[in-house]
Structure formats: structure tokens, C-alpha cells
Amino acid sequence: MERAGEILGKVARRLGRPEAALAWLQSSWPTVVGRSLATHTRPVRCENARLELAVDIKAWLQQLEPMHDEICARINRSWGGTLIREVKFIAKPGPHKLSREADNEHTPFIRRRRP
């Protein structure tokens, strides 16, 4: 059975539009690069095989520069073809956390009733 990200990637490739590629990247970003990296980065633009990533902390910006080739490889492998050849990192501090309603990783606290 195929995962939803793989199906969306195939559909986005067929569309051939930059908006479709960016939408796919944004939706599958934690799966492509991992949860810890996705917490501090987010794709903001994808055009002409160039991806711009917003990074929330400058220390992460310095750590990610040497990972350029690895990030490109992960994206292209998940995409199933060559989508990205260059990654540009942009420092954009500020919270971009999801609300609890939109966060699928959030597990609400559940109280047990006493008998």
C-alpha cells in the first residue's frame, strides 16, 4: 500500500507547477527531513530547482549549510526525480508552531474517571 505522501508526490509531478511542488514539500516536510529538522525549518519557495528554506535559529543555519547535498538528495529521493538542485537557507526567526487543533502529533491529556 502506498503512503499518502508518495501519492501526492506523483500527482504534484504530473501537474508540473511550482505551487504543486511547494505544497507537496510543505505537507511532507517532516517525513522527508525528519521531525527534529522540520521543527526548525520550513520550505517557503520552490522555483527553478531552487528551494528556499526558512530557518528559525541562526545556530541551525550554520549547521545546515554543510548538509546542502544531503537535503537535496532526501527531497529528490522522496519526490522520485530531480526536483531540487540548490537549497538556500534564510534566517526567519519567530514561532511557526502549529495550533493544537492542527498538530497531528499532539496527544491531549485524558483523565480517568474514578469508579
Protein backbone atom coordinates (compact mmCIF):
# COMPACT_ATOMS: atom_id res chain seq x y z
CA MET A 1 0.00 0.00 0.00
CA GLU A 2 1.36 3.43 -0.95
CA ARG A 3 1.73 6.21 1.57
CA ALA A 4 -0.25 9.41 1.08
CA GLY A 5 2.96 11.44 0.58
CA GLU A 6 4.04 9.20 -2.28
CA ILE A 7 0.67 9.50 -3.98
CA LEU A 8 0.67 13.30 -3.56
CA GLY A 9 4.20 13.44 -4.92
CA LYS A 10 3.15 11.60 -8.07
CA VAL A 11 0.16 13.88 -8.58
CA ALA A 12 2.26 17.02 -7.99
CA ARG A 13 4.89 15.81 -10.51
CA ARG A 14 2.18 15.39 -13.14
CA LEU A 15 0.93 18.92 -12.56
CA GLY A 16 4.39 20.34 -13.26
CA ARG A 17 3.68 23.59 -11.44
CA PRO A 18 5.94 25.20 -8.81
CA GLU A 19 2.98 25.71 -6.48
CA ALA A 20 2.25 21.99 -6.52
CA ALA A 21 5.85 21.11 -5.67
CA LEU A 22 5.90 23.60 -2.80
CA ALA A 23 2.58 22.32 -1.46
CA TRP A 24 3.92 18.76 -1.55
CA LEU A 25 7.14 19.83 0.20
CA GLN A 26 5.26 21.67 2.93
CA SER A 27 2.90 18.79 3.58
CA SER A 28 5.54 16.06 3.64
CA TRP A 29 8.42 18.07 5.12
CA PRO A 30 8.67 16.19 8.48
CA THR A 31 8.69 12.86 6.62
CA VAL A 32 11.34 13.99 4.14
CA VAL A 33 13.86 15.56 6.52
CA GLY A 34 12.86 14.22 9.91
CA ARG A 35 10.88 15.65 12.77
CA SER A 36 13.73 17.49 14.56
CA LEU A 37 14.91 19.27 11.41
CA ALA A 38 11.34 20.07 10.35
CA THR A 39 10.72 21.71 13.73
CA HIS A 40 13.29 24.42 12.92
CA THR A 41 12.91 24.71 9.14
CA ARG A 42 10.13 25.15 6.62
CA PRO A 43 10.05 25.42 2.83
CA VAL A 44 8.93 28.86 1.68
CA ARG A 45 9.67 28.90 -2.07
CA CYS A 46 10.44 26.30 -4.72
CA GLU A 47 11.19 27.54 -8.24
CA ASN A 48 13.61 26.54 -11.00
CA ALA A 49 15.08 23.64 -9.00
CA ARG A 50 15.89 26.03 -6.14
CA LEU A 51 14.40 25.66 -2.68
CA GLU A 52 14.36 28.41 -0.08
CA LEU A 53 14.18 27.18 3.50
CA ALA A 54 13.28 29.42 6.42
CA VAL A 55 15.36 28.60 9.49
CA ASP A 56 14.18 29.85 12.88
CA ILE A 57 17.51 29.90 14.75
CA LYS A 58 20.83 31.19 13.40
CA ALA A 59 22.73 28.32 15.01
CA TRP A 60 20.67 25.91 12.89
CA LEU A 61 21.51 27.99 9.83
CA GLN A 62 25.21 27.36 10.37
CA GLN A 63 24.66 23.66 10.97
CA LEU A 64 22.55 23.21 7.83
CA GLU A 65 24.95 24.81 5.33
CA PRO A 66 27.16 21.68 5.10
CA MET A 67 24.04 19.48 4.77
CA HIS A 68 23.02 21.08 1.47
CA ASP A 69 23.71 17.97 -0.66
CA GLU A 70 22.07 15.61 1.81
CA ILE A 71 18.90 17.71 1.97
CA CYS A 72 18.72 17.85 -1.84
CA ALA A 73 19.18 14.08 -2.03
CA ARG A 74 16.44 13.39 0.54
CA ILE A 75 13.98 15.66 -1.26
CA ASN A 76 14.75 14.22 -4.69
CA ARG A 77 14.53 10.64 -3.41
CA SER A 78 11.12 11.33 -1.84
CA TRP A 79 9.95 13.19 -4.95
CA GLY A 80 11.03 10.35 -7.24
CA GLY A 81 13.06 12.56 -9.56
CA THR A 82 15.15 15.73 -9.63
CA LEU A 83 13.12 18.49 -8.03
CA ILE A 84 15.87 20.41 -6.18
CA ARG A 85 19.43 21.20 -7.20
CA GLU A 86 20.09 24.10 -4.85
CA VAL A 87 18.98 24.96 -1.33
CA LYS A 88 19.14 28.49 0.02
CA PHE A 89 18.78 28.98 3.77
CA ILE A 90 17.04 32.11 5.05
CA ALA A 91 17.01 33.20 8.69
CA LYS A 92 13.41 33.89 9.68
CA PRO A 93 13.13 33.81 13.44
CA GLY A 94 9.81 33.53 15.12
CA PRO A 95 7.39 30.88 16.20
CA HIS A 96 5.79 28.78 13.50
CA LYS A 97 4.35 26.15 15.75
CA LEU A 98 1.02 24.67 14.84
CA SER A 99 -2.03 25.09 16.99
CA ARG A 100 -3.07 22.03 18.93
CA GLU A 101 -6.04 21.57 16.63
CA ALA A 102 -3.81 21.42 13.54
CA ASP A 103 -0.96 19.44 15.13
CA ASN A 104 -1.36 15.73 14.44
CA GLU A 105 1.47 14.91 16.86
CA HIS A 106 -0.35 16.42 19.86
CA THR A 107 -1.87 13.93 22.26
CA PRO A 108 -4.35 15.54 24.62
CA PHE A 109 -4.31 14.72 28.30
CA ILE A 110 -7.02 12.21 29.16
CA ARG A 111 -8.30 11.82 32.70
CA ARG A 112 -9.62 8.61 34.00
CA ARG A 113 -12.85 8.57 35.89
CA ARG A 114 -12.73 7.15 39.34
CA PRO A 115 -15.21 4.32 39.97
